[in-house]
Amino acid sequence: MSDRSGIFAGDDPFRLAQDWLAEAEKSEINDPNAIALATVDPDGLPNVRMVLLKEIEAPGGGDGAFVFYTNYDSAKGQELAASGKAAFVMHWKSLRRQIRVRGTVERENGAQADAYYASRSLKSRLGAWASKQSQPLSGRAALMAEVAKVTAQQGTNPSRPPFWGGFRIQPVEIEFWADGPFRLHDRFRWRREAAGASWEVTRLNP
């Protein structure tokens, strides 16, 4: 039995993550929903980059997922499709806290992705069409020319590109970390065998 209390209390890690993010939104200056997303290439070499987490799904019962959006043809999109696994860390300097997540991934390529795409600014929607993400680019002028081209083609109400959508990370492990005095930090790891299984919570040494 772990001795969770205070900011670590609760029986649903997804709701706990939502609470921590909501608190961070009050104090982080820029992008409190930024995560460092890790994938691996076909040779097993890790890749990491910052992306924006767009939703923490917490339907209740301790089950849920973390959702972000990207170009499926990008390096991360291809690596996620190949391995079916991902990890990320979300770190807030203002709170001195972080959340680490590891799990399996699946595409969110339906109505939910359509709705998020439609909520973006027009320029961002057109940019999703124009950018061949992760591919070589001769210069910014070439990119802006492509933006002008797709603007003429797609107009003011572009549909979601077929190569752009979401990924849902279904974790098998979530760790909540908070800074402690003298580097004696508090760490609680939630672990389960697979999505939908029950969680086991363990306090870890700092």
N, C-alpha and C. Protein backbone atom coordinates (compact mmCIF):
# COMPACT_ATOMS: atom_id res chain seq x y z
N MET A 1 0.85 -1.19 0.00
CA MET A 1 0.00 0.00 0.00
C MET A 1 0.89 1.24 0.00
N SER A 2 0.72 2.12 -0.98
CA SER A 2 1.52 3.34 -1.04
C SER A 2 0.91 4.40 -0.14
N ASP A 3 1.70 5.40 0.22
CA ASP A 3 1.24 6.44 1.14
C ASP A 3 0.89 7.71 0.38
N ARG A 4 0.10 7.55 -0.67
CA ARG A 4 -0.26 8.71 -1.49
C ARG A 4 -1.23 9.62 -0.75
N SER A 5 -0.99 10.92 -0.85
CA SER A 5 -1.88 11.92 -0.27
C SER A 5 -1.60 13.25 -0.96
N GLY A 6 -2.37 14.27 -0.63
CA GLY A 6 -2.14 15.59 -1.20
C GLY A 6 -2.27 15.59 -2.71
N ILE A 7 -1.26 16.09 -3.41
CA ILE A 7 -1.32 16.21 -4.87
C ILE A 7 -1.31 14.87 -5.57
N PHE A 8 -0.96 13.78 -4.86
CA PHE A 8 -0.90 12.45 -5.45
C PHE A 8 -2.17 11.63 -5.20
N ALA A 9 -3.11 12.16 -4.44
CA ALA A 9 -4.28 11.39 -4.04
C ALA A 9 -5.23 11.18 -5.22
N GLY A 10 -5.96 10.05 -5.18
CA GLY A 10 -6.93 9.75 -6.21
C GLY A 10 -6.83 8.31 -6.66
N ASP A 11 -7.89 7.82 -7.31
CA ASP A 11 -7.91 6.44 -7.77
C ASP A 11 -7.96 6.33 -9.30
N ASP A 12 -7.76 7.47 -9.99
CA ASP A 12 -7.78 7.48 -11.46
C ASP A 12 -6.61 8.33 -11.95
N PRO A 13 -5.59 7.71 -12.54
CA PRO A 13 -4.41 8.48 -12.96
C PRO A 13 -4.71 9.51 -14.05
N PHE A 14 -5.73 9.26 -14.85
CA PHE A 14 -6.06 10.20 -15.92
C PHE A 14 -6.69 11.48 -15.35
N ARG A 15 -7.54 11.32 -14.36
CA ARG A 15 -8.11 12.50 -13.70
C ARG A 15 -7.03 13.24 -12.92
N LEU A 16 -6.11 12.51 -12.34
CA LEU A 16 -4.99 13.13 -11.64
C LEU A 16 -4.14 13.94 -12.62
N ALA A 17 -3.87 13.37 -13.79
CA ALA A 17 -3.12 14.08 -14.82
C ALA A 17 -3.87 15.34 -15.28
N GLN A 18 -5.18 15.23 -15.43
CA GLN A 18 -5.99 16.39 -15.78
C GLN A 18 -5.86 17.49 -14.72
N ASP A 19 -5.89 17.10 -13.45
CA ASP A 19 -5.77 18.08 -12.37
C ASP A 19 -4.42 18.77 -12.39
N TRP A 20 -3.36 17.99 -12.60
CA TRP A 20 -2.02 18.59 -12.65
C TRP A 20 -1.89 19.54 -13.84
N LEU A 21 -2.42 19.15 -14.99
CA LEU A 21 -2.36 20.02 -16.17
C LEU A 21 -3.16 21.30 -15.93
N ALA A 22 -4.32 21.19 -15.33
CA ALA A 22 -5.14 22.37 -15.05
C ALA A 22 -4.40 23.33 -14.12
N GLU A 23 -3.68 22.79 -13.16
CA GLU A 23 -2.91 23.64 -12.26
C GLU A 23 -1.75 24.29 -13.00
N ALA A 24 -1.11 23.54 -13.88
CA ALA A 24 0.01 24.09 -14.65
C ALA A 24 -0.44 25.22 -15.59
N GLU A 25 -1.66 25.11 -16.09
CA GLU A 25 -2.17 26.14 -16.99
C GLU A 25 -2.27 27.51 -16.33
N LYS A 26 -2.28 27.54 -15.01
CA LYS A 26 -2.35 28.79 -14.27
C LYS A 26 -0.99 29.45 -14.08
N SER A 27 0.08 28.66 -14.25
CA SER A 27 1.41 29.19 -13.91
C SER A 27 2.45 29.09 -15.01
N GLU A 28 2.31 28.12 -15.93
CA GLU A 28 3.28 28.00 -17.01
C GLU A 28 3.04 29.11 -18.04
N ILE A 29 4.11 29.78 -18.45
CA ILE A 29 3.98 30.93 -19.36
C ILE A 29 3.59 30.47 -20.76
N ASN A 30 4.25 29.43 -21.26
CA ASN A 30 4.02 28.96 -22.62
C ASN A 30 3.74 27.46 -22.65
N ASP A 31 2.72 27.07 -23.39
CA ASP A 31 2.45 25.67 -23.72
C ASP A 31 2.54 24.72 -22.53
N PRO A 32 1.67 24.87 -21.55
CA PRO A 32 1.68 23.92 -20.43
C PRO A 32 1.35 22.50 -20.85
N ASN A 33 0.78 22.33 -22.05
CA ASN A 33 0.44 21.00 -22.55
C ASN A 33 1.52 20.41 -23.45
N ALA A 34 2.72 21.00 -23.45
CA ALA A 34 3.82 20.47 -24.26
C ALA A 34 4.35 19.17 -23.66
N ILE A 35 4.61 18.19 -24.53
CA ILE A 35 5.20 16.93 -24.09
C ILE A 35 6.40 16.61 -24.98
N ALA A 36 7.39 15.95 -24.39
CA ALA A 36 8.52 15.43 -25.16
C ALA A 36 8.17 14.00 -25.54
N LEU A 37 7.84 13.80 -26.80
CA LEU A 37 7.36 12.50 -27.29
C LEU A 37 8.52 11.67 -27.84
N ALA A 38 8.67 10.46 -27.34
CA ALA A 38 9.75 9.56 -27.77
C ALA A 38 9.20 8.41 -28.60
N THR A 39 9.90 8.12 -29.70
CA THR A 39 9.60 6.97 -30.56
C THR A 39 10.93 6.30 -30.88
N VAL A 40 10.87 5.20 -31.62
CA VAL A 40 12.10 4.54 -32.09
C VAL A 40 11.98 4.30 -33.59
N ASP A 41 13.12 4.39 -34.28
CA ASP A 41 13.12 4.12 -35.72
C ASP A 41 13.28 2.62 -35.96
N PRO A 42 13.26 2.17 -37.22
CA PRO A 42 13.34 0.72 -37.48
C PRO A 42 14.59 0.04 -36.93
N ASP A 43 15.67 0.83 -36.70
CA ASP A 43 16.90 0.27 -36.14
C ASP A 43 16.90 0.30 -34.61
N GLY A 44 15.82 0.79 -34.02
CA GLY A 44 15.75 0.88 -32.57
C GLY A 44 16.38 2.12 -31.99
N LEU A 45 16.79 3.07 -32.86
CA LEU A 45 17.41 4.31 -32.38
C LEU A 45 16.31 5.27 -31.93
N PRO A 46 16.39 5.78 -30.69
CA PRO A 46 15.32 6.65 -30.20
C PRO A 46 15.27 7.99 -30.92
N ASN A 47 14.09 8.56 -30.94
CA ASN A 47 13.82 9.88 -31.50
C ASN A 47 12.94 10.60 -30.49
N VAL A 48 13.17 11.89 -30.26
CA VAL A 48 12.32 12.63 -29.33
C VAL A 48 12.11 14.03 -29.85
N ARG A 49 10.91 14.57 -29.64
CA ARG A 49 10.58 15.93 -30.07
C ARG A 49 9.41 16.44 -29.24
N MET A 50 9.25 17.77 -29.22
CA MET A 50 8.15 18.38 -28.48
C MET A 50 6.90 18.44 -29.36
N VAL A 51 5.77 18.01 -28.80
CA VAL A 51 4.47 18.16 -29.46
C VAL A 51 3.48 18.66 -28.40
N LEU A 52 2.31 19.06 -28.84
CA LEU A 52 1.29 19.54 -27.91
C LEU A 52 0.24 18.47 -27.66
N LEU A 53 0.07 18.12 -26.41
CA LEU A 53 -0.98 17.19 -26.01
C LEU A 53 -2.32 17.93 -26.07
N LYS A 54 -3.27 17.37 -26.80
CA LYS A 54 -4.53 18.07 -27.00
C LYS A 54 -5.67 17.56 -26.14
N GLU A 55 -5.55 16.37 -25.60
CA GLU A 55 -6.63 15.88 -24.74
C GLU A 55 -6.14 14.78 -23.82
N ILE A 56 -6.61 14.82 -22.59
CA ILE A 56 -6.45 13.70 -21.67
C ILE A 56 -7.84 13.13 -21.48
N GLU A 57 -8.07 11.96 -22.04
CA GLU A 57 -9.38 11.32 -21.94
C GLU A 57 -9.47 10.58 -20.61
N ALA A 58 -10.49 10.88 -19.84
CA ALA A 58 -10.67 10.24 -18.54
C ALA A 58 -12.13 9.84 -18.37
N PRO A 59 -12.55 8.77 -19.04
CA PRO A 59 -13.96 8.38 -18.99
C PRO A 59 -14.40 7.77 -17.67
N GLY A 60 -13.46 7.56 -16.77
CA GLY A 60 -13.79 6.95 -15.48
C GLY A 60 -13.32 5.51 -15.40
N GLY A 61 -13.28 5.00 -14.19
CA GLY A 61 -12.86 3.61 -14.00
C GLY A 61 -11.37 3.39 -14.15
N GLY A 62 -10.60 4.47 -14.13
CA GLY A 62 -9.15 4.33 -14.23
C GLY A 62 -8.65 4.05 -15.62
N ASP A 63 -9.51 4.18 -16.64
CA ASP A 63 -9.09 3.94 -18.01
C ASP A 63 -9.18 5.24 -18.78
N GLY A 64 -8.34 5.39 -19.78
CA GLY A 64 -8.33 6.63 -20.56
C GLY A 64 -7.18 6.62 -21.54
N ALA A 65 -6.83 7.81 -22.04
CA ALA A 65 -5.78 7.90 -23.04
C ALA A 65 -5.31 9.34 -23.15
N PHE A 66 -4.17 9.52 -23.81
CA PHE A 66 -3.59 10.83 -24.09
C PHE A 66 -3.57 11.01 -25.61
N VAL A 67 -4.06 12.14 -26.10
CA VAL A 67 -4.25 12.34 -27.54
C VAL A 67 -3.47 13.54 -28.05
N PHE A 68 -2.77 13.36 -29.17
CA PHE A 68 -2.11 14.47 -29.86
C PHE A 68 -2.31 14.27 -31.36
N TYR A 69 -1.96 15.28 -32.14
CA TYR A 69 -2.19 15.25 -33.59
C TYR A 69 -0.91 15.56 -34.36
N THR A 70 -0.81 14.98 -35.57
CA THR A 70 0.39 15.17 -36.37
C THR A 70 0.14 14.73 -37.81
N ASN A 71 1.16 14.90 -38.62
CA ASN A 71 1.17 14.39 -39.99
C ASN A 71 1.56 12.91 -39.93
N TYR A 72 0.73 12.03 -40.45
CA TYR A 72 1.01 10.60 -40.38
C TYR A 72 2.26 10.21 -41.19
N ASP A 73 2.63 11.04 -42.18
CA ASP A 73 3.80 10.75 -42.99
C ASP A 73 5.08 11.30 -42.40
N SER A 74 4.99 12.00 -41.27
CA SER A 74 6.18 12.54 -40.61
C SER A 74 7.01 11.40 -40.03
N ALA A 75 8.21 11.73 -39.57
CA ALA A 75 9.07 10.71 -38.96
C ALA A 75 8.36 10.08 -37.76
N LYS A 76 7.77 10.89 -36.90
CA LYS A 76 7.10 10.33 -35.73
C LYS A 76 5.89 9.49 -36.13
N GLY A 77 5.14 9.96 -37.14
CA GLY A 77 3.98 9.21 -37.59
C GLY A 77 4.35 7.84 -38.11
N GLN A 78 5.42 7.78 -38.90
CA GLN A 78 5.85 6.50 -39.46
C GLN A 78 6.41 5.58 -38.36
N GLU A 79 7.15 6.17 -37.43
CA GLU A 79 7.73 5.35 -36.35
C GLU A 79 6.65 4.82 -35.42
N LEU A 80 5.64 5.63 -35.14
CA LEU A 80 4.53 5.17 -34.32
C LEU A 80 3.75 4.05 -35.00
N ALA A 81 3.54 4.19 -36.31
CA ALA A 81 2.82 3.17 -37.07
C ALA A 81 3.59 1.86 -37.08
N ALA A 82 4.92 1.95 -37.16
CA ALA A 82 5.74 0.74 -37.25
C ALA A 82 5.85 0.01 -35.91
N SER A 83 6.02 0.75 -34.82
CA SER A 83 6.26 0.10 -33.52
C SER A 83 4.98 -0.08 -32.72
N GLY A 84 4.02 0.83 -32.90
CA GLY A 84 2.80 0.77 -32.10
C GLY A 84 3.00 1.17 -30.66
N LYS A 85 4.15 1.81 -30.35
CA LYS A 85 4.46 2.17 -28.97
C LYS A 85 5.05 3.57 -28.90
N ALA A 86 4.89 4.21 -27.74
CA ALA A 86 5.43 5.55 -27.55
C ALA A 86 5.63 5.82 -26.07
N ALA A 87 6.39 6.86 -25.79
CA ALA A 87 6.55 7.34 -24.42
C ALA A 87 6.65 8.86 -24.47
N PHE A 88 6.28 9.49 -23.37
CA PHE A 88 6.48 10.94 -23.31
C PHE A 88 6.67 11.38 -21.87
N VAL A 89 7.23 12.57 -21.73
CA VAL A 89 7.32 13.23 -20.43
C VAL A 89 6.75 14.63 -20.57
N MET A 90 5.98 15.04 -19.58
CA MET A 90 5.41 16.38 -19.49
C MET A 90 6.00 17.01 -18.23
N HIS A 91 6.74 18.12 -18.42
CA HIS A 91 7.47 18.71 -17.29
C HIS A 91 7.06 20.16 -17.11
N TRP A 92 6.77 20.54 -15.85
CA TRP A 92 6.39 21.92 -15.55
C TRP A 92 7.40 22.51 -14.57
N LYS A 93 8.21 23.46 -15.05
CA LYS A 93 9.21 24.09 -14.19
C LYS A 93 8.55 24.89 -13.07
N SER A 94 7.41 25.55 -13.38
CA SER A 94 6.77 26.39 -12.37
C SER A 94 6.25 25.59 -11.19
N LEU A 95 5.80 24.37 -11.45
CA LEU A 95 5.28 23.50 -10.39
C LEU A 95 6.33 22.55 -9.83
N ARG A 96 7.43 22.40 -10.56
CA ARG A 96 8.45 21.40 -10.22
C ARG A 96 7.84 20.00 -10.15
N ARG A 97 7.09 19.69 -11.22
CA ARG A 97 6.47 18.38 -11.33
C ARG A 97 6.63 17.85 -12.75
N GLN A 98 6.48 16.54 -12.90
CA GLN A 98 6.46 15.94 -14.23
C GLN A 98 5.62 14.67 -14.22
N ILE A 99 5.15 14.33 -15.41
CA ILE A 99 4.42 13.08 -15.61
C ILE A 99 5.11 12.33 -16.75
N ARG A 100 5.42 11.06 -16.51
CA ARG A 100 6.00 10.21 -17.55
C ARG A 100 4.98 9.14 -17.93
N VAL A 101 4.89 8.87 -19.23
CA VAL A 101 3.90 7.92 -19.75
C VAL A 101 4.56 6.98 -20.76
N ARG A 102 4.22 5.70 -20.69
CA ARG A 102 4.66 4.70 -21.67
C ARG A 102 3.45 3.85 -22.04
N GLY A 103 3.33 3.53 -23.34
CA GLY A 103 2.19 2.71 -23.72
C GLY A 103 2.10 2.41 -25.19
N THR A 104 0.96 1.89 -25.58
CA THR A 104 0.70 1.56 -26.97
C THR A 104 -0.08 2.70 -27.63
N VAL A 105 -0.06 2.74 -28.95
CA VAL A 105 -0.73 3.83 -29.67
C VAL A 105 -1.69 3.27 -30.72
N GLU A 106 -2.70 4.08 -30.99
CA GLU A 106 -3.61 3.80 -32.10
C GLU A 106 -3.99 5.13 -32.73
N ARG A 107 -4.38 5.09 -34.00
CA ARG A 107 -4.77 6.32 -34.68
C ARG A 107 -6.13 6.80 -34.21
N GLU A 108 -6.25 8.12 -34.13
CA GLU A 108 -7.55 8.77 -33.97
C GLU A 108 -7.82 9.46 -35.29
N ASN A 109 -8.55 8.79 -36.17
CA ASN A 109 -8.67 9.21 -37.56
C ASN A 109 -10.12 9.41 -37.97
N GLY A 110 -10.98 9.72 -36.99
CA GLY A 110 -12.40 9.86 -37.29
C GLY A 110 -12.96 11.21 -36.93
N ALA A 111 -14.17 11.21 -36.38
CA ALA A 111 -14.88 12.46 -36.09
C ALA A 111 -14.14 13.34 -35.09
N GLN A 112 -13.48 12.72 -34.13
CA GLN A 112 -12.74 13.49 -33.13
C GLN A 112 -11.60 14.27 -33.79
N ALA A 113 -10.89 13.63 -34.72
CA ALA A 113 -9.82 14.31 -35.45
C ALA A 113 -10.39 15.40 -36.35
N ASP A 114 -11.52 15.14 -36.98
CA ASP A 114 -12.17 16.15 -37.82
C ASP A 114 -12.52 17.38 -37.00
N ALA A 115 -13.07 17.16 -35.82
CA ALA A 115 -13.50 18.27 -34.97
C ALA A 115 -12.30 19.10 -34.51
N TYR A 116 -11.22 18.42 -34.12
CA TYR A 116 -10.04 19.19 -33.70
C TYR A 116 -9.46 19.98 -34.87
N TYR A 117 -9.35 19.34 -36.02
CA TYR A 117 -8.81 20.03 -37.20
C TYR A 117 -9.66 21.27 -37.51
N ALA A 118 -10.98 21.16 -37.45
CA ALA A 118 -11.86 22.28 -37.75
C ALA A 118 -11.72 23.41 -36.74
N SER A 119 -11.27 23.09 -35.52
CA SER A 119 -11.12 24.11 -34.48
C SER A 119 -9.87 24.95 -34.65
N ARG A 120 -8.93 24.50 -35.49
CA ARG A 120 -7.68 25.24 -35.68
C ARG A 120 -7.91 26.46 -36.56
N SER A 121 -6.97 27.40 -36.49
CA SER A 121 -7.08 28.57 -37.34
C SER A 121 -6.96 28.16 -38.80
N LEU A 122 -7.50 28.99 -39.70
CA LEU A 122 -7.46 28.66 -41.12
C LEU A 122 -6.02 28.49 -41.60
N LYS A 123 -5.13 29.37 -41.17
CA LYS A 123 -3.74 29.27 -41.62
C LYS A 123 -3.09 27.97 -41.15
N SER A 124 -3.44 27.54 -39.95
CA SER A 124 -2.90 26.27 -39.46
C SER A 124 -3.45 25.09 -40.24
N ARG A 125 -4.73 25.16 -40.61
CA ARG A 125 -5.33 24.08 -41.41
C ARG A 125 -4.69 24.01 -42.79
N LEU A 126 -4.45 25.16 -43.39
CA LEU A 126 -3.79 25.18 -44.70
C LEU A 126 -2.34 24.74 -44.58
N GLY A 127 -1.71 25.11 -43.47
CA GLY A 127 -0.32 24.70 -43.26
C GLY A 127 -0.18 23.19 -43.16
N ALA A 128 -1.20 22.53 -42.59
CA ALA A 128 -1.17 21.07 -42.51
C ALA A 128 -1.18 20.45 -43.90
N TRP A 129 -1.91 21.07 -44.83
CA TRP A 129 -1.91 20.59 -46.21
C TRP A 129 -0.56 20.86 -46.88
N ALA A 130 0.04 22.01 -46.59
CA ALA A 130 1.24 22.45 -47.33
C ALA A 130 2.52 21.74 -46.90
N SER A 131 2.62 21.42 -45.61
CA SER A 131 3.88 20.89 -45.10
C SER A 131 4.02 19.39 -45.33
N LYS A 132 5.08 19.01 -46.00
CA LYS A 132 5.46 17.59 -46.13
C LYS A 132 6.40 17.29 -44.95
N GLN A 133 5.82 17.17 -43.80
CA GLN A 133 6.56 17.17 -42.55
C GLN A 133 7.68 16.14 -42.52
N SER A 134 8.84 16.60 -42.05
CA SER A 134 10.06 15.80 -41.91
C SER A 134 10.80 15.57 -43.22
N GLN A 135 10.24 16.00 -44.36
CA GLN A 135 10.91 15.83 -45.65
C GLN A 135 11.83 17.02 -45.94
N PRO A 136 12.90 16.83 -46.72
CA PRO A 136 13.81 17.95 -47.04
C PRO A 136 13.07 19.10 -47.71
N LEU A 137 13.53 20.33 -47.42
CA LEU A 137 12.91 21.55 -47.95
C LEU A 137 14.01 22.46 -48.48
N SER A 138 13.86 22.92 -49.72
CA SER A 138 14.92 23.74 -50.35
C SER A 138 15.04 25.11 -49.71
N GLY A 139 13.96 25.63 -49.15
CA GLY A 139 14.00 26.95 -48.52
C GLY A 139 12.61 27.37 -48.11
N ARG A 140 12.53 28.44 -47.29
CA ARG A 140 11.23 28.88 -46.81
C ARG A 140 10.35 29.38 -47.95
N ALA A 141 10.98 29.94 -48.99
CA ALA A 141 10.21 30.43 -50.14
C ALA A 141 9.41 29.30 -50.78
N ALA A 142 10.01 28.12 -50.83
CA ALA A 142 9.32 26.97 -51.42
C ALA A 142 8.12 26.57 -50.56
N LEU A 143 8.29 26.66 -49.25
CA LEU A 143 7.18 26.32 -48.35
C LEU A 143 6.04 27.32 -48.52
N MET A 144 6.37 28.61 -48.59
CA MET A 144 5.32 29.62 -48.72
C MET A 144 4.61 29.52 -50.07
N ALA A 145 5.35 29.11 -51.09
CA ALA A 145 4.73 28.90 -52.40
C ALA A 145 3.73 27.75 -52.33
N GLU A 146 4.08 26.71 -51.58
CA GLU A 146 3.16 25.57 -51.41
C GLU A 146 1.92 26.00 -50.63
N VAL A 147 2.12 26.87 -49.62
CA VAL A 147 0.97 27.38 -48.86
C VAL A 147 0.03 28.14 -49.79
N ALA A 148 0.59 28.98 -50.67
CA ALA A 148 -0.23 29.74 -51.61
C ALA A 148 -0.98 28.80 -52.56
N LYS A 149 -0.30 27.74 -52.97
CA LYS A 149 -0.91 26.77 -53.88
C LYS A 149 -2.10 26.07 -53.23
N VAL A 150 -1.91 25.57 -52.00
CA VAL A 150 -3.00 24.84 -51.36
C VAL A 150 -4.12 25.78 -50.94
N THR A 151 -3.79 27.05 -50.68
CA THR A 151 -4.83 28.03 -50.36
C THR A 151 -5.76 28.21 -51.54
N ALA A 152 -5.18 28.28 -52.73
CA ALA A 152 -6.00 28.42 -53.94
C ALA A 152 -6.82 27.15 -54.19
N GLN A 153 -6.25 26.01 -53.87
CA GLN A 153 -6.93 24.73 -54.10
C GLN A 153 -8.02 24.45 -53.07
N GLN A 154 -7.73 24.71 -51.79
CA GLN A 154 -8.61 24.29 -50.70
C GLN A 154 -9.62 25.36 -50.28
N GLY A 155 -9.31 26.63 -50.55
CA GLY A 155 -10.24 27.69 -50.18
C GLY A 155 -10.25 27.98 -48.70
N THR A 156 -11.36 28.51 -48.21
CA THR A 156 -11.45 28.97 -46.82
C THR A 156 -12.04 27.93 -45.86
N ASN A 157 -12.38 26.76 -46.37
CA ASN A 157 -12.93 25.72 -45.50
C ASN A 157 -12.34 24.36 -45.88
N PRO A 158 -11.02 24.22 -45.71
CA PRO A 158 -10.38 22.96 -46.13
C PRO A 158 -10.79 21.79 -45.25
N SER A 159 -10.95 20.64 -45.86
CA SER A 159 -11.22 19.42 -45.10
C SER A 159 -9.91 18.92 -44.50
N ARG A 160 -10.02 18.03 -43.53
CA ARG A 160 -8.81 17.47 -42.91
C ARG A 160 -8.05 16.63 -43.93
N PRO A 161 -6.74 16.86 -44.07
CA PRO A 161 -5.95 16.04 -45.00
C PRO A 161 -6.00 14.56 -44.61
N PRO A 162 -6.02 13.66 -45.58
CA PRO A 162 -6.06 12.23 -45.26
C PRO A 162 -4.79 11.75 -44.57
N PHE A 163 -3.70 12.53 -44.69
CA PHE A 163 -2.43 12.15 -44.09
C PHE A 163 -2.20 12.83 -42.74
N TRP A 164 -3.21 13.44 -42.19
CA TRP A 164 -3.08 14.21 -40.94
C TRP A 164 -4.18 13.79 -39.97
N GLY A 165 -3.81 13.53 -38.74
CA GLY A 165 -4.81 13.14 -37.76
C GLY A 165 -4.19 12.92 -36.39
N GLY A 166 -4.88 12.17 -35.54
CA GLY A 166 -4.45 12.01 -34.18
C GLY A 166 -3.85 10.66 -33.87
N PHE A 167 -3.16 10.62 -32.74
CA PHE A 167 -2.72 9.37 -32.13
C PHE A 167 -3.20 9.37 -30.69
N ARG A 168 -3.68 8.23 -30.26
CA ARG A 168 -4.14 8.04 -28.89
C ARG A 168 -3.16 7.10 -28.20
N ILE A 169 -2.52 7.59 -27.14
CA ILE A 169 -1.60 6.77 -26.36
C ILE A 169 -2.37 6.15 -25.20
N GLN A 170 -2.39 4.82 -25.17
CA GLN A 170 -3.06 4.09 -24.09
C GLN A 170 -1.97 3.53 -23.18
N PRO A 171 -1.76 4.14 -22.05
CA PRO A 171 -0.59 3.81 -21.23
C PRO A 171 -0.70 2.49 -20.47
N VAL A 172 0.45 1.88 -20.32
CA VAL A 172 0.58 0.76 -19.39
C VAL A 172 1.38 1.20 -18.17
N GLU A 173 1.93 2.42 -18.25
CA GLU A 173 2.70 2.95 -17.13
C GLU A 173 2.61 4.47 -17.12
N ILE A 174 2.29 5.03 -15.96
CA ILE A 174 2.26 6.47 -15.75
C ILE A 174 2.99 6.75 -14.44
N GLU A 175 3.92 7.68 -14.49
CA GLU A 175 4.63 8.05 -13.26
C GLU A 175 4.42 9.53 -12.96
N PHE A 176 4.03 9.82 -11.73
CA PHE A 176 3.86 11.18 -11.25
C PHE A 176 5.05 11.52 -10.34
N TRP A 177 5.70 12.63 -10.65
CA TRP A 177 6.94 13.03 -9.95
C TRP A 177 6.79 14.46 -9.45
N ALA A 178 7.19 14.71 -8.21
CA ALA A 178 7.19 16.07 -7.66
C ALA A 178 8.49 16.31 -6.92
N ASP A 179 9.01 17.50 -7.09
CA ASP A 179 10.28 17.88 -6.48
C ASP A 179 10.19 17.83 -4.96
N GLY A 180 11.25 17.33 -4.33
CA GLY A 180 11.32 17.28 -2.88
C GLY A 180 12.59 17.94 -2.37
N PRO A 181 12.65 18.31 -1.10
CA PRO A 181 13.86 18.94 -0.55
C PRO A 181 15.04 17.98 -0.56
N PHE A 182 16.23 18.55 -0.79
CA PHE A 182 17.47 17.77 -0.79
C PHE A 182 17.45 16.65 -1.82
N ARG A 183 16.70 16.86 -2.93
CA ARG A 183 16.56 15.89 -4.02
C ARG A 183 15.89 14.59 -3.57
N LEU A 184 15.16 14.65 -2.49
CA LEU A 184 14.38 13.49 -2.03
C LEU A 184 12.97 13.63 -2.60
N HIS A 185 12.87 13.41 -3.90
CA HIS A 185 11.64 13.65 -4.63
C HIS A 185 10.59 12.57 -4.32
N ASP A 186 9.33 12.91 -4.61
CA ASP A 186 8.23 11.95 -4.49
C ASP A 186 7.90 11.40 -5.87
N ARG A 187 7.86 10.08 -5.98
CA ARG A 187 7.56 9.42 -7.25
C ARG A 187 6.56 8.28 -7.01
N PHE A 188 5.48 8.30 -7.80
CA PHE A 188 4.50 7.21 -7.72
C PHE A 188 4.25 6.68 -9.13
N ARG A 189 4.48 5.39 -9.30
CA ARG A 189 4.30 4.73 -10.59
C ARG A 189 3.01 3.92 -10.60
N TRP A 190 2.16 4.23 -11.60
CA TRP A 190 0.96 3.45 -11.86
C TRP A 190 1.29 2.50 -13.00
N ARG A 191 1.08 1.19 -12.78
CA ARG A 191 1.43 0.21 -13.81
C ARG A 191 0.31 -0.80 -13.97
N ARG A 192 0.09 -1.25 -15.22
CA ARG A 192 -0.90 -2.29 -15.51
C ARG A 192 -0.38 -3.14 -16.66
N GLU A 193 -0.94 -4.31 -16.82
CA GLU A 193 -0.47 -5.25 -17.84
C GLU A 193 -0.85 -4.80 -19.24
N ALA A 194 -2.04 -4.21 -19.38
CA ALA A 194 -2.53 -3.77 -20.69
C ALA A 194 -3.64 -2.76 -20.47
N ALA A 195 -3.99 -2.05 -21.54
CA ALA A 195 -5.08 -1.08 -21.47
C ALA A 195 -6.35 -1.76 -20.98
N GLY A 196 -7.01 -1.15 -20.02
CA GLY A 196 -8.24 -1.72 -19.48
C GLY A 196 -8.02 -2.57 -18.23
N ALA A 197 -6.78 -2.98 -17.97
CA ALA A 197 -6.49 -3.79 -16.78
C ALA A 197 -6.43 -2.88 -15.55
N SER A 198 -6.43 -3.50 -14.38
CA SER A 198 -6.37 -2.74 -13.14
C SER A 198 -4.95 -2.21 -12.91
N TRP A 199 -4.87 -1.11 -12.16
CA TRP A 199 -3.60 -0.45 -11.91
C TRP A 199 -2.99 -0.92 -10.60
N GLU A 200 -1.66 -1.00 -10.57
CA GLU A 200 -0.91 -1.20 -9.35
C GLU A 200 -0.07 0.06 -9.12
N VAL A 201 -0.15 0.65 -7.95
CA VAL A 201 0.57 1.89 -7.65
C VAL A 201 1.71 1.60 -6.69
N THR A 202 2.91 2.08 -7.04
CA THR A 202 4.10 1.84 -6.23
C THR A 202 4.85 3.14 -6.03
N ARG A 203 5.24 3.41 -4.78
CA ARG A 203 6.15 4.54 -4.53
C ARG A 203 7.56 4.11 -4.91
N LEU A 204 8.27 4.98 -5.64
CA LEU A 204 9.64 4.70 -6.07
C LEU A 204 10.63 5.58 -5.31
N ASN A 205 11.84 5.08 -5.15
CA ASN A 205 12.91 5.90 -4.61
C ASN A 205 13.17 7.08 -5.55
N PRO A 206 13.60 8.20 -5.01
CA PRO A 206 13.82 9.39 -5.86
C PRO A 206 14.97 9.21 -6.85
